[in-house]
Amino acid sequence: MASLTSISQSHTLLKKPNFTPSIPHNLSSSFTPRDFLFSKTQSLKLPQMASRSYVVSASTTETPRKRYPGEAKGFVEEMRFVAMKLHTKEQAKEGEKEVKQPEEHSVRKWEPSIDGYLKFLVDSKLVYDTLESIIDKAAFPIYAEFRNTGLERSEKLAKDLQWFEEQGYAIPKPSSPGITYAEYLKEISDKDPQAFICHFYNTYFAHSAGGRMIGKKVAQQILNNRELEFYKWDGDLSQLLQNVRDKLNKVAESWTRDEKNHCLEETEKSFKHSGEILRLILS
């Protein structure tokens, strides 16, 4: 009976809900601080870990900005690249355009006439008169950067037309291609400087390159090799061109990428208008 009572008491003791086992003082003091320190350390480290994870995630999702052909050399090189693509393969090695108009053939295949050439010179003078007047008036401050560059052609063309008149040729009035282009230049120059700069660049730089080839070919065929003033520059042409390149690059530094792209997109219109004037030589 004594043993049964002992077992019963032990069983009852284990079932008591308010039983609390005693913890030795030395065990409690050694365990509790370590547990607290561990929890505290975790709570301090978690935000740091999350922060580092966020930074790594952000950096790995960044994509490099698109680079445009010629961009590393400056904006003029971007304009040159776009312009060369709009040439035909007969006109330039970099050309990609198919030949659709007579003036898009190689100059070697051209058959110019005096009457057609005079129309070309008259319409060209109207365009250069317009460009140089716009630059002088400078509706936008950046236009003033391109005054007196040495590339101006208006006065040179006036001398050439006077010479033709002295030879007995009748000087025609400006025709539709020149008038239309001049009006377009006036229109965009007052509201769209990026578009105007595109035409400025393509007109002057094209004349200094392909334009000289055309002048030489025409002189051989119909002018007894006379070199017109239109194809002469006062000073070193390569240096004059470089000076203007530097100014164009400087101006474009303040443009946004969208403004630069808008300027490049205008190249096709520049080629359209200049092509219509060139076509007069073959008329």
C-alpha atoms as a PDB file:
ATOM      1  CA  MET A   1       0.000   0.000   0.000  1.00  0.00           C
ATOM      2  CA  ALA A   2       2.827   2.365   0.832  1.00  0.00           C
ATOM      3  CA  SER A   3       4.285   1.881  -2.656  1.00  0.00           C
ATOM      4  CA  LEU A   4       0.908   2.472  -4.320  1.00  0.00           C
ATOM      5  CA  THR A   5       0.453   5.671  -2.376  1.00  0.00           C
ATOM      6  CA  SER A   6       3.890   6.841  -3.395  1.00  0.00           C
ATOM      7  CA  ILE A   7       3.126   6.174  -7.062  1.00  0.00           C
ATOM      8  CA  SER A   8      -0.234   7.928  -6.789  1.00  0.00           C
ATOM      9  CA  GLN A   9       1.335  10.962  -5.190  1.00  0.00           C
ATOM     10  CA  SER A  10       3.979  11.140  -7.862  1.00  0.00           C
ATOM     11  CA  HIS A  11       1.339  10.918 -10.602  1.00  0.00           C
ATOM     12  CA  THR A  12      -0.748  13.640  -8.952  1.00  0.00           C
ATOM     13  CA  LEU A  13       2.271  15.882  -8.603  1.00  0.00           C
ATOM     14  CA  LEU A  14       3.080  15.656 -12.297  1.00  0.00           C
ATOM     15  CA  LYS A  15      -0.469  16.650 -13.252  1.00  0.00           C
ATOM     16  CA  LYS A  16      -0.538  19.862 -11.178  1.00  0.00           C
ATOM     17  CA  PRO A  17      -0.911  22.861 -13.544  1.00  0.00           C
ATOM     18  CA  ASN A  18       0.902  25.302 -11.286  1.00  0.00           C
ATOM     19  CA  PHE A  19       4.032  23.263 -11.012  1.00  0.00           C
ATOM     20  CA  THR A  20       7.125  25.327 -11.865  1.00  0.00           C
ATOM     21  CA  PRO A  21      10.465  23.614 -11.971  1.00  0.00           C
ATOM     22  CA  SER A  22      13.178  25.568 -10.228  1.00  0.00           C
ATOM     23  CA  ILE A  23      16.106  26.845 -12.247  1.00  0.00           C
ATOM     24  CA  PRO A  24      19.440  27.079 -10.550  1.00  0.00           C
ATOM     25  CA  HIS A  25      20.639  30.653 -10.173  1.00  0.00           C
ATOM     26  CA  ASN A  26      23.925  30.025 -11.885  1.00  0.00           C
ATOM     27  CA  LEU A  27      22.221  28.407 -14.926  1.00  0.00           C
ATOM     28  CA  SER A  28      19.719  31.237 -15.289  1.00  0.00           C
ATOM     29  CA  SER A  29      22.353  33.934 -15.161  1.00  0.00           C
ATOM     30  CA  SER A  30      24.563  32.180 -17.675  1.00  0.00           C
ATOM     31  CA  PHE A  31      21.836  31.350 -20.214  1.00  0.00           C
ATOM     32  CA  THR A  32      19.607  34.406 -20.290  1.00  0.00           C
ATOM     33  CA  PRO A  33      22.233  37.083 -21.214  1.00  0.00           C
ATOM     34  CA  ARG A  34      23.586  34.973 -24.049  1.00  0.00           C
ATOM     35  CA  ASP A  35      20.082  34.484 -25.452  1.00  0.00           C
ATOM     36  CA  PHE A  36      19.388  38.214 -25.253  1.00  0.00           C
ATOM     37  CA  LEU A  37      22.616  39.130 -26.966  1.00  0.00           C
ATOM     38  CA  PHE A  38      21.916  36.724 -29.806  1.00  0.00           C
ATOM     39  CA  SER A  39      18.456  38.175 -30.373  1.00  0.00           C
ATOM     40  CA  LYS A  40      19.769  41.729 -30.230  1.00  0.00           C
ATOM     41  CA  THR A  41      22.503  40.970 -32.709  1.00  0.00           C
ATOM     42  CA  GLN A  42      20.011  39.513 -35.164  1.00  0.00           C
ATOM     43  CA  SER A  43      17.709  42.510 -34.935  1.00  0.00           C
ATOM     44  CA  LEU A  44      20.601  44.862 -35.785  1.00  0.00           C
ATOM     45  CA  LYS A  45      21.972  42.834 -38.655  1.00  0.00           C
ATOM     46  CA  LEU A  46      18.760  42.177 -40.579  1.00  0.00           C
ATOM     47  CA  PRO A  47      18.229  45.717 -41.875  1.00  0.00           C
ATOM     48  CA  GLN A  48      21.852  45.839 -43.059  1.00  0.00           C
ATOM     49  CA  MET A  49      21.490  42.569 -44.916  1.00  0.00           C
ATOM     50  CA  ALA A  50      18.277  43.757 -46.557  1.00  0.00           C
ATOM     51  CA  SER A  51      19.900  47.041 -47.576  1.00  0.00           C
ATOM     52  CA  ARG A  52      22.882  45.330 -49.161  1.00  0.00           C
ATOM     53  CA  SER A  53      20.606  42.948 -51.025  1.00  0.00           C
ATOM     54  CA  TYR A  54      18.598  45.889 -52.425  1.00  0.00           C
ATOM     55  CA  VAL A  55      21.654  47.748 -53.709  1.00  0.00           C
ATOM     56  CA  VAL A  56      23.020  44.697 -55.492  1.00  0.00           C
ATOM     57  CA  SER A  57      19.634  44.037 -57.050  1.00  0.00           C
ATOM     58  CA  ALA A  58      19.359  47.628 -58.334  1.00  0.00           C
ATOM     59  CA  SER A  59      22.829  47.652 -59.850  1.00  0.00           C
ATOM     60  CA  THR A  60      22.362  44.381 -61.680  1.00  0.00           C
ATOM     61  CA  THR A  61      19.171  45.564 -63.417  1.00  0.00           C
ATOM     62  CA  GLU A  62      20.737  48.695 -64.980  1.00  0.00           C
ATOM     63  CA  THR A  63      21.265  48.517 -68.766  1.00  0.00           C
ATOM     64  CA  PRO A  64      23.917  50.525 -70.640  1.00  0.00           C
ATOM     65  CA  ARG A  65      22.675  53.482 -72.734  1.00  0.00           C
ATOM     66  CA  LYS A  66      22.515  52.925 -76.471  1.00  0.00           C
ATOM     67  CA  ARG A  67      25.499  54.381 -78.335  1.00  0.00           C
ATOM     68  CA  TYR A  68      24.822  56.025 -81.693  1.00  0.00           C
ATOM     69  CA  PRO A  69      27.138  55.565 -84.696  1.00  0.00           C
ATOM     70  CA  GLY A  70      29.840  58.230 -84.563  1.00  0.00           C
ATOM     71  CA  GLU A  71      28.761  59.509 -81.127  1.00  0.00           C
ATOM     72  CA  ALA A  72      32.171  58.952 -79.536  1.00  0.00           C
ATOM     73  CA  LYS A  73      33.760  61.418 -81.989  1.00  0.00           C
ATOM     74  CA  GLY A  74      31.144  64.143 -81.589  1.00  0.00           C
ATOM     75  CA  PHE A  75      27.766  65.029 -83.044  1.00  0.00           C
ATOM     76  CA  VAL A  76      29.132  66.092 -86.439  1.00  0.00           C
ATOM     77  CA  GLU A  77      30.300  62.525 -86.956  1.00  0.00           C
ATOM     78  CA  GLU A  78      26.767  61.331 -86.203  1.00  0.00           C
ATOM     79  CA  MET A  79      25.436  63.711 -88.871  1.00  0.00           C
ATOM     80  CA  ARG A  80      28.073  62.575 -91.358  1.00  0.00           C
ATOM     81  CA  PHE A  81      27.224  58.915 -90.749  1.00  0.00           C
ATOM     82  CA  VAL A  82      23.513  59.469 -91.423  1.00  0.00           C
ATOM     83  CA  ALA A  83      24.235  61.581 -94.508  1.00  0.00           C
ATOM     84  CA  MET A  84      26.562  59.002 -96.050  1.00  0.00           C
ATOM     85  CA  LYS A  85      23.923  56.288 -95.701  1.00  0.00           C
ATOM     86  CA  LEU A  86      21.590  58.413 -97.838  1.00  0.00           C
ATOM     87  CA  HIS A  87      24.034  58.402-100.755  1.00  0.00           C
ATOM     88  CA  THR A  88      23.806  55.744-103.431  1.00  0.00           C
ATOM     89  CA  LYS A  89      26.588  53.203-103.842  1.00  0.00           C
ATOM     90  CA  GLU A  90      27.566  54.964-107.071  1.00  0.00           C
ATOM     91  CA  GLN A  91      28.095  58.175-105.118  1.00  0.00           C
ATOM     92  CA  ALA A  92      29.906  56.827-102.051  1.00  0.00           C
ATOM     93  CA  LYS A  93      31.225  53.552-100.633  1.00  0.00           C
ATOM     94  CA  GLU A  94      29.101  54.000 -97.506  1.00  0.00           C
ATOM     95  CA  GLY A  95      25.967  54.683 -99.540  1.00  0.00           C
ATOM     96  CA  GLU A  96      22.940  52.436 -99.091  1.00  0.00           C
ATOM     97  CA  LYS A  97      20.276  54.142-101.199  1.00  0.00           C
ATOM     98  CA  GLU A  98      19.139  52.744-104.548  1.00  0.00           C
ATOM     99  CA  VAL A  99      19.468  54.949-107.623  1.00  0.00           C
ATOM    100  CA  LYS A 100      16.065  56.417-108.499  1.00  0.00           C
ATOM    101  CA  GLN A 101      16.870  59.873-109.911  1.00  0.00           C
ATOM    102  CA  PRO A 102      19.355  60.996-112.603  1.00  0.00           C
ATOM    103  CA  GLU A 103      21.442  63.049-110.148  1.00  0.00           C
ATOM    104  CA  GLU A 104      21.884  59.974-107.929  1.00  0.00           C
ATOM    105  CA  HIS A 105      24.175  58.346-110.476  1.00  0.00           C
ATOM    106  CA  SER A 106      27.913  58.853-110.310  1.00  0.00           C
ATOM    107  CA  VAL A 107      28.964  62.297-111.569  1.00  0.00           C
ATOM    108  CA  ARG A 108      30.978  60.521-114.276  1.00  0.00           C
ATOM    109  CA  LYS A 109      27.685  59.587-115.958  1.00  0.00           C
ATOM    110  CA  TRP A 110      26.241  63.094-115.949  1.00  0.00           C
ATOM    111  CA  GLU A 111      25.557  65.041-119.143  1.00  0.00           C
ATOM    112  CA  PRO A 112      25.098  68.659-118.014  1.00  0.00           C
ATOM    113  CA  SER A 113      23.879  71.583-120.102  1.00  0.00           C
ATOM    114  CA  ILE A 114      24.666  75.295-119.822  1.00  0.00           C
ATOM    115  CA  ASP A 115      21.004  76.209-119.391  1.00  0.00           C
ATOM    116  CA  GLY A 116      20.513  73.574-116.702  1.00  0.00           C
ATOM    117  CA  TYR A 117      23.710  74.584-114.932  1.00  0.00           C
ATOM    118  CA  LEU A 118      22.641  78.227-114.843  1.00  0.00           C
ATOM    119  CA  LYS A 119      19.321  77.207-113.260  1.00  0.00           C
ATOM    120  CA  PHE A 120      21.274  75.249-110.668  1.00  0.00           C
ATOM    121  CA  LEU A 121      23.543  78.199-109.865  1.00  0.00           C
ATOM    122  CA  VAL A 122      20.616  80.636-109.576  1.00  0.00           C
ATOM    123  CA  ASP A 123      18.632  78.360-107.250  1.00  0.00           C
ATOM    124  CA  SER A 124      21.761  77.588-105.232  1.00  0.00           C
ATOM    125  CA  LYS A 125      22.385  81.299-104.750  1.00  0.00           C
ATOM    126  CA  LEU A 126      18.849  81.773-103.451  1.00  0.00           C
ATOM    127  CA  VAL A 127      19.402  78.987-100.907  1.00  0.00           C
ATOM    128  CA  TYR A 128      22.761  80.384 -99.768  1.00  0.00           C
ATOM    129  CA  ASP A 129      21.320  83.912 -99.600  1.00  0.00           C
ATOM    130  CA  THR A 130      18.609  82.540 -97.327  1.00  0.00           C
ATOM    131  CA  LEU A 131      20.962  80.536 -95.113  1.00  0.00           C
ATOM    132  CA  GLU A 132      23.352  83.434 -94.638  1.00  0.00           C
ATOM    133  CA  SER A 133      20.539  85.901 -93.952  1.00  0.00           C
ATOM    134  CA  ILE A 134      19.131  83.581 -91.278  1.00  0.00           C
ATOM    135  CA  ILE A 135      22.559  83.255 -89.673  1.00  0.00           C
ATOM    136  CA  ASP A 136      23.042  87.036 -89.656  1.00  0.00           C
ATOM    137  CA  LYS A 137      19.645  87.713 -88.062  1.00  0.00           C
ATOM    138  CA  ALA A 138      20.155  84.891 -85.525  1.00  0.00           C
ATOM    139  CA  ALA A 139      16.620  84.218 -84.308  1.00  0.00           C
ATOM    140  CA  PHE A 140      18.334  81.774 -81.933  1.00  0.00           C
ATOM    141  CA  PRO A 141      21.672  82.704 -80.293  1.00  0.00           C
ATOM    142  CA  ILE A 142      23.364  79.539 -81.561  1.00  0.00           C
ATOM    143  CA  TYR A 143      23.015  80.773 -85.163  1.00  0.00           C
ATOM    144  CA  ALA A 144      25.400  83.633 -84.427  1.00  0.00           C
ATOM    145  CA  GLU A 145      28.156  81.065 -83.837  1.00  0.00           C
ATOM    146  CA  PHE A 146      28.212  80.435 -87.594  1.00  0.00           C
ATOM    147  CA  ARG A 147      28.716  83.958 -88.875  1.00  0.00           C
ATOM    148  CA  ASN A 148      31.763  84.608 -91.044  1.00  0.00           C
ATOM    149  CA  THR A 149      32.970  81.012 -91.091  1.00  0.00           C
ATOM    150  CA  GLY A 150      34.659  81.381 -94.464  1.00  0.00           C
ATOM    151  CA  LEU A 151      32.292  78.810 -95.982  1.00  0.00           C
ATOM    152  CA  GLU A 152      29.800  81.437 -97.214  1.00  0.00           C
ATOM    153  CA  ARG A 153      28.923  81.063-100.908  1.00  0.00           C
ATOM    154  CA  SER A 154      26.491  83.854-101.753  1.00  0.00           C
ATOM    155  CA  GLU A 155      29.053  86.454-102.880  1.00  0.00           C
ATOM    156  CA  LYS A 156      31.011  83.845-104.830  1.00  0.00           C
ATOM    157  CA  LEU A 157      27.897  82.821-106.742  1.00  0.00           C
ATOM    158  CA  ALA A 158      27.073  86.452-107.507  1.00  0.00           C
ATOM    159  CA  LYS A 159      30.473  86.802-109.205  1.00  0.00           C
ATOM    160  CA  ASP A 160      29.942  83.630-111.239  1.00  0.00           C
ATOM    161  CA  LEU A 161      26.515  84.703-112.461  1.00  0.00           C
ATOM    162  CA  GLN A 162      27.942  88.076-113.440  1.00  0.00           C
ATOM    163  CA  TRP A 163      30.623  86.310-115.478  1.00  0.00           C
ATOM    164  CA  PHE A 164      28.020  84.210-117.312  1.00  0.00           C
ATOM    165  CA  GLU A 165      26.050  87.361-118.068  1.00  0.00           C
ATOM    166  CA  GLU A 166      29.173  88.996-119.470  1.00  0.00           C
ATOM    167  CA  GLN A 167      29.568  85.986-121.771  1.00  0.00           C
ATOM    168  CA  GLY A 168      26.140  86.723-123.218  1.00  0.00           C
ATOM    169  CA  TYR A 169      24.050  84.189-121.308  1.00  0.00           C
ATOM    170  CA  ALA A 170      20.608  85.135-120.006  1.00  0.00           C
ATOM    171  CA  ILE A 171      20.396  84.606-116.255  1.00  0.00           C
ATOM    172  CA  PRO A 172      17.114  82.856-115.356  1.00  0.00           C
ATOM    173  CA  LYS A 173      14.884  83.628-112.406  1.00  0.00           C
ATOM    174  CA  PRO A 174      14.881  81.247-109.422  1.00  0.00           C
ATOM    175  CA  SER A 175      12.763  78.174-110.095  1.00  0.00           C
ATOM    176  CA  SER A 176      10.465  76.060-107.951  1.00  0.00           C
ATOM    177  CA  PRO A 177      13.108  73.824-106.298  1.00  0.00           C
ATOM    178  CA  GLY A 178      15.122  76.781-104.999  1.00  0.00           C
ATOM    179  CA  ILE A 179      12.093  78.848-103.989  1.00  0.00           C
ATOM    180  CA  THR A 180      10.505  75.932-102.134  1.00  0.00           C
ATOM    181  CA  TYR A 181      13.696  75.114-100.258  1.00  0.00           C
ATOM    182  CA  ALA A 182      14.358  78.743 -99.298  1.00  0.00           C
ATOM    183  CA  GLU A 183      10.835  79.097 -97.906  1.00  0.00           C
ATOM    184  CA  TYR A 184      11.209  75.890 -95.931  1.00  0.00           C
ATOM    185  CA  LEU A 185      14.496  77.087 -94.421  1.00  0.00           C
ATOM    186  CA  LYS A 186      12.868  80.344 -93.310  1.00  0.00           C
ATOM    187  CA  GLU A 187       9.990  78.441 -91.752  1.00  0.00           C
ATOM    188  CA  ILE A 188      12.037  76.015 -89.652  1.00  0.00           C
ATOM    189  CA  SER A 189      14.698  78.559 -88.679  1.00  0.00           C
ATOM    190  CA  ASP A 190      12.166  80.525 -86.609  1.00  0.00           C
ATOM    191  CA  LYS A 191      10.911  77.571 -84.580  1.00  0.00           C
ATOM    192  CA  ASP A 192      13.179  74.551 -84.963  1.00  0.00           C
ATOM    193  CA  PRO A 193      16.918  75.253 -84.513  1.00  0.00           C
ATOM    194  CA  GLN A 194      17.900  71.569 -84.522  1.00  0.00           C
ATOM    195  CA  ALA A 195      16.270  71.035 -87.920  1.00  0.00           C
ATOM    196  CA  PHE A 196      17.842  74.209 -89.309  1.00  0.00           C
ATOM    197  CA  ILE A 197      21.327  73.212 -88.138  1.00  0.00           C
ATOM    198  CA  CYS A 198      20.910  69.917 -89.992  1.00  0.00           C
ATOM    199  CA  HIS A 199      20.306  71.779 -93.267  1.00  0.00           C
ATOM    200  CA  PHE A 200      23.122  74.216 -92.551  1.00  0.00           C
ATOM    201  CA  TYR A 201      25.587  71.370 -92.034  1.00  0.00           C
ATOM    202  CA  ASN A 202      24.523  69.299 -95.028  1.00  0.00           C
ATOM    203  CA  THR A 203      24.413  72.226 -97.452  1.00  0.00           C
ATOM    204  CA  TYR A 204      27.867  73.616 -96.704  1.00  0.00           C
ATOM    205  CA  PHE A 205      29.692  70.362 -96.082  1.00  0.00           C
ATOM    206  CA  ALA A 206      28.184  68.583 -99.093  1.00  0.00           C
ATOM    207  CA  HIS A 207      29.284  71.424-101.350  1.00  0.00           C
ATOM    208  CA  SER A 208      32.841  71.236 -99.995  1.00  0.00           C
ATOM    209  CA  ALA A 209      33.024  67.534-100.905  1.00  0.00           C
ATOM    210  CA  GLY A 210      30.721  66.190-103.618  1.00  0.00           C
ATOM    211  CA  GLY A 211      29.957  69.706-104.804  1.00  0.00           C
ATOM    212  CA  ARG A 212      33.552  70.248-105.862  1.00  0.00           C
ATOM    213  CA  MET A 213      33.509  67.002-107.841  1.00  0.00           C
ATOM    214  CA  ILE A 214      30.402  68.200-109.653  1.00  0.00           C
ATOM    215  CA  GLY A 215      31.992  71.569-110.385  1.00  0.00           C
ATOM    216  CA  LYS A 216      35.089  69.945-111.831  1.00  0.00           C
ATOM    217  CA  LYS A 217      33.060  67.593-114.035  1.00  0.00           C
ATOM    218  CA  VAL A 218      30.835  70.385-115.358  1.00  0.00           C
ATOM    219  CA  ALA A 219      33.851  72.601-116.033  1.00  0.00           C
ATOM    220  CA  GLN A 220      35.471  69.853-118.099  1.00  0.00           C
ATOM    221  CA  GLN A 221      32.366  69.184-120.162  1.00  0.00           C
ATOM    222  CA  ILE A 222      30.835  72.585-120.848  1.00  0.00           C
ATOM    223  CA  LEU A 223      33.055  75.390-119.473  1.00  0.00           C
ATOM    224  CA  ASN A 224      36.406  74.651-121.082  1.00  0.00           C
ATOM    225  CA  ASN A 225      37.793  73.751-117.628  1.00  0.00           C
ATOM    226  CA  ARG A 226      37.014  77.148-116.122  1.00  0.00           C
ATOM    227  CA  GLU A 227      36.944  76.950-112.315  1.00  0.00           C
ATOM    228  CA  LEU A 228      34.093  79.019-110.933  1.00  0.00           C
ATOM    229  CA  GLU A 229      34.312  81.127-107.772  1.00  0.00           C
ATOM    230  CA  PHE A 230      31.624  78.888-106.284  1.00  0.00           C
ATOM    231  CA  TYR A 231      34.311  76.234-105.830  1.00  0.00           C
ATOM    232  CA  LYS A 232      36.986  78.474-104.328  1.00  0.00           C
ATOM    233  CA  TRP A 233      37.531  79.358-100.672  1.00  0.00           C
ATOM    234  CA  ASP A 234      39.668  82.048 -99.087  1.00  0.00           C
ATOM    235  CA  GLY A 235      42.071  80.195 -96.833  1.00  0.00           C
ATOM    236  CA  ASP A 236      42.645  76.539 -96.033  1.00  0.00           C
ATOM    237  CA  LEU A 237      39.336  74.758 -96.666  1.00  0.00           C
ATOM    238  CA  SER A 238      40.158  71.822 -94.385  1.00  0.00           C
ATOM    239  CA  GLN A 239      40.805  74.216 -91.493  1.00  0.00           C
ATOM    240  CA  LEU A 240      37.654  76.218 -92.213  1.00  0.00           C
ATOM    241  CA  LEU A 241      35.636  73.004 -92.111  1.00  0.00           C
ATOM    242  CA  GLN A 242      37.290  71.888 -88.886  1.00  0.00           C
ATOM    243  CA  ASN A 243      36.485  75.200 -87.230  1.00  0.00           C
ATOM    244  CA  VAL A 244      32.810  74.754 -88.101  1.00  0.00           C
ATOM    245  CA  ARG A 245      32.858  71.120 -86.950  1.00  0.00           C
ATOM    246  CA  ASP A 246      34.145  72.243 -83.568  1.00  0.00           C
ATOM    247  CA  LYS A 247      31.398  74.853 -83.278  1.00  0.00           C
ATOM    248  CA  LEU A 248      28.692  72.383 -84.284  1.00  0.00           C
ATOM    249  CA  ASN A 249      29.918  69.845 -81.739  1.00  0.00           C
ATOM    250  CA  LYS A 250      29.987  72.528 -79.054  1.00  0.00           C
ATOM    251  CA  VAL A 251      26.436  73.662 -79.825  1.00  0.00           C
ATOM    252  CA  ALA A 252      25.130  70.075 -79.783  1.00  0.00           C
ATOM    253  CA  GLU A 253      26.615  69.432 -76.330  1.00  0.00           C
ATOM    254  CA  SER A 254      23.703  71.346 -74.805  1.00  0.00           C
ATOM    255  CA  TRP A 255      21.075  69.326 -76.708  1.00  0.00           C
ATOM    256  CA  THR A 256      19.159  66.398 -75.274  1.00  0.00           C
ATOM    257  CA  ARG A 257      19.357  63.028 -76.990  1.00  0.00           C
ATOM    258  CA  ASP A 258      15.858  63.592 -78.395  1.00  0.00           C
ATOM    259  CA  GLU A 259      16.922  66.941 -79.874  1.00  0.00           C
ATOM    260  CA  LYS A 260      19.964  65.338 -81.478  1.00  0.00           C
ATOM    261  CA  ASN A 261      17.821  62.577 -82.953  1.00  0.00           C
ATOM    262  CA  HIS A 262      15.399  65.169 -84.299  1.00  0.00           C
ATOM    263  CA  CYS A 263      18.298  66.906 -86.041  1.00  0.00           C
ATOM    264  CA  LEU A 264      19.469  63.620 -87.572  1.00  0.00           C
ATOM    265  CA  GLU A 265      15.960  62.784 -88.771  1.00  0.00           C
ATOM    266  CA  GLU A 266      15.891  66.028 -90.775  1.00  0.00           C
ATOM    267  CA  THR A 267      18.750  64.789 -92.985  1.00  0.00           C
ATOM    268  CA  GLU A 268      16.408  63.065 -95.417  1.00  0.00           C
ATOM    269  CA  LYS A 269      14.528  66.321 -96.081  1.00  0.00           C
ATOM    270  CA  SER A 270      17.823  68.095 -96.655  1.00  0.00           C
ATOM    271  CA  PHE A 271      18.791  65.513 -99.270  1.00  0.00           C
ATOM    272  CA  LYS A 272      15.384  65.743-100.919  1.00  0.00           C
ATOM    273  CA  HIS A 273      15.588  69.513-101.418  1.00  0.00           C
ATOM    274  CA  SER A 274      19.237  69.592-102.463  1.00  0.00           C
ATOM    275  CA  GLY A 275      18.636  66.697-104.867  1.00  0.00           C
ATOM    276  CA  GLU A 276      15.865  68.589-106.622  1.00  0.00           C
ATOM    277  CA  ILE A 277      18.203  71.540-107.150  1.00  0.00           C
ATOM    278  CA  LEU A 278      21.036  69.307-108.385  1.00  0.00           C
ATOM    279  CA  ARG A 279      18.663  67.744-110.891  1.00  0.00           C
ATOM    280  CA  LEU A 280      18.426  71.106-112.642  1.00  0.00           C
ATOM    281  CA  ILE A 281      21.970  70.619-113.977  1.00  0.00           C
ATOM    282  CA  LEU A 282      20.709  67.724-116.080  1.00  0.00           C
ATOM    283  CA  SER A 283      17.571  69.484-117.316  1.00  0.00           C
END
